[in-house]
Amino acid sequence: QLREILGWSQGGKSYKRIEEALMKWVSVTIFFTSWWDRDTDRWKNVKGFHIVDSVELNDYDNGRIGRTKQLDLPISKIRLGEPIHQSLTSGNMKRLNLQGRRAL
């Protein structure tokens, strides 16, 4: 789905690019001295958190021999960091402008 949203081709290069990007996001840590909590309408102190806590990609065969059906694979998962998830579910969200995207 992510590949389709980005308008990238179905080739392995697109999937590899997505995998590399997600692995980089897992390693990013954000440090703040304060964080606006929209639910309570007040500032909270937050030392640091990850934007993405974990990634599990199961959308390709990863070199396994004999895999012929995509349906055999479990669903991929991306778990956002708790402060990011809480902020997004509270409505602190902006739409992405995908009009200027490039094809891979």
Protein backbone atom coordinates (compact mmCIF):
# COMPACT_ATOMS: atom_id res chain seq x y z
CA GLN A 1 0.00 0.00 0.00
CA LEU A 2 2.79 2.40 0.84
CA ARG A 3 4.42 1.79 -2.55
CA GLU A 4 1.10 2.53 -4.27
CA ILE A 5 0.52 5.73 -2.24
CA LEU A 6 3.97 6.95 -3.24
CA GLY A 7 3.29 6.07 -6.89
CA TRP A 8 6.41 3.89 -7.15
CA SER A 9 6.89 0.94 -9.48
CA GLN A 10 6.26 -2.63 -8.31
CA GLY A 11 9.89 -3.72 -8.71
CA GLY A 12 12.17 -4.87 -5.92
CA LYS A 13 13.99 -1.52 -5.91
CA SER A 14 10.86 0.20 -4.54
CA TYR A 15 10.42 -2.33 -1.74
CA LYS A 16 14.11 -2.13 -0.82
CA ARG A 17 13.90 1.66 -0.70
CA ILE A 18 10.87 1.50 1.62
CA GLU A 19 12.61 -1.05 3.85
CA GLU A 20 15.73 1.11 4.15
CA ALA A 21 13.67 4.22 4.95
CA LEU A 22 11.65 2.45 7.66
CA MET A 23 14.81 1.06 9.27
CA LYS A 24 16.20 4.60 9.41
CA TRP A 25 12.99 5.88 11.05
CA VAL A 26 13.30 3.20 13.75
CA SER A 27 16.70 4.65 14.69
CA VAL A 28 15.52 8.29 14.92
CA THR A 29 15.09 9.66 18.45
CA ILE A 30 13.42 13.01 19.09
CA PHE A 31 14.41 15.01 22.19
CA PHE A 32 12.10 17.70 23.58
CA THR A 33 11.96 19.67 26.80
CA SER A 34 8.19 20.05 26.44
CA TRP A 35 5.35 18.58 24.39
CA TRP A 36 1.84 20.00 23.86
CA ASP A 37 -0.79 17.48 24.95
CA ARG A 38 -3.95 18.31 23.02
CA ASP A 39 -6.07 15.96 25.16
CA THR A 40 -5.33 17.89 28.36
CA ASP A 41 -4.59 21.28 26.72
CA ARG A 42 -1.32 21.66 28.57
CA TRP A 43 2.42 21.19 28.14
CA LYS A 44 4.05 17.94 29.20
CA ASN A 45 7.71 17.24 29.76
CA VAL A 46 9.10 14.60 27.44
CA LYS A 47 12.78 13.71 27.43
CA GLY A 48 12.96 11.67 24.25
CA PHE A 49 11.08 9.18 22.13
CA HIS A 50 11.17 7.32 18.85
CA ILE A 51 8.92 8.24 15.93
CA VAL A 52 8.73 4.56 14.94
CA ASP A 53 9.22 1.96 17.69
CA SER A 54 9.26 -1.18 15.56
CA VAL A 55 8.95 -2.45 12.00
CA GLU A 56 8.04 -5.94 10.81
CA LEU A 57 8.08 -6.35 7.02
CA ASN A 58 6.58 -9.48 5.52
CA ASP A 59 5.70 -8.30 2.01
CA TYR A 60 8.42 -10.06 0.07
CA ASP A 61 10.19 -13.41 0.11
CA ASN A 62 13.53 -12.14 1.51
CA GLY A 63 15.41 -14.86 -0.35
CA ARG A 64 13.30 -17.81 0.87
CA ILE A 65 13.19 -20.60 -1.68
CA GLY A 66 9.84 -22.01 -2.76
CA ARG A 67 7.70 -19.00 -1.81
CA THR A 68 5.19 -18.48 -4.60
CA LYS A 69 2.10 -16.97 -2.97
CA GLN A 70 1.97 -13.55 -1.31
CA LEU A 71 -1.07 -14.78 0.65
CA ASP A 72 1.19 -17.05 2.73
CA LEU A 73 2.92 -14.05 4.30
CA PRO A 74 1.70 -12.43 7.54
CA ILE A 75 0.72 -8.75 7.51
CA SER A 76 3.55 -6.24 7.90
CA LYS A 77 3.48 -4.00 10.96
CA ILE A 78 4.76 -0.55 11.83
CA ARG A 79 4.41 0.55 15.46
CA LEU A 80 4.65 4.29 16.08
CA GLY A 81 6.22 5.67 19.24
CA GLU A 82 3.60 6.29 21.94
CA PRO A 83 3.88 10.13 22.00
CA ILE A 84 3.56 10.26 18.19
CA HIS A 85 0.63 7.83 18.17
CA GLN A 86 -1.14 9.74 20.94
CA SER A 87 -0.57 13.05 19.17
CA LEU A 88 -1.93 11.75 15.85
CA THR A 89 -5.01 10.16 17.44
CA SER A 90 -5.68 13.47 19.22
CA GLY A 91 -5.90 15.27 15.88
CA ASN A 92 -2.42 16.81 15.66
CA MET A 93 -2.03 15.88 12.03
CA LYS A 94 -1.33 17.57 8.72
CA ARG A 95 -2.09 16.12 5.31
CA LEU A 96 0.89 15.11 3.16
CA ASN A 97 1.20 16.75 -0.23
CA LEU A 98 1.97 13.85 -2.54
CA GLN A 99 1.38 15.84 -5.75
CA GLY A 100 5.09 16.54 -6.21
CA ARG A 101 6.17 12.93 -5.73
CA ARG A 102 8.62 11.31 -8.10
CA ALA A 103 8.29 7.93 -9.75
CA LEU A 104 11.02 5.46 -8.86
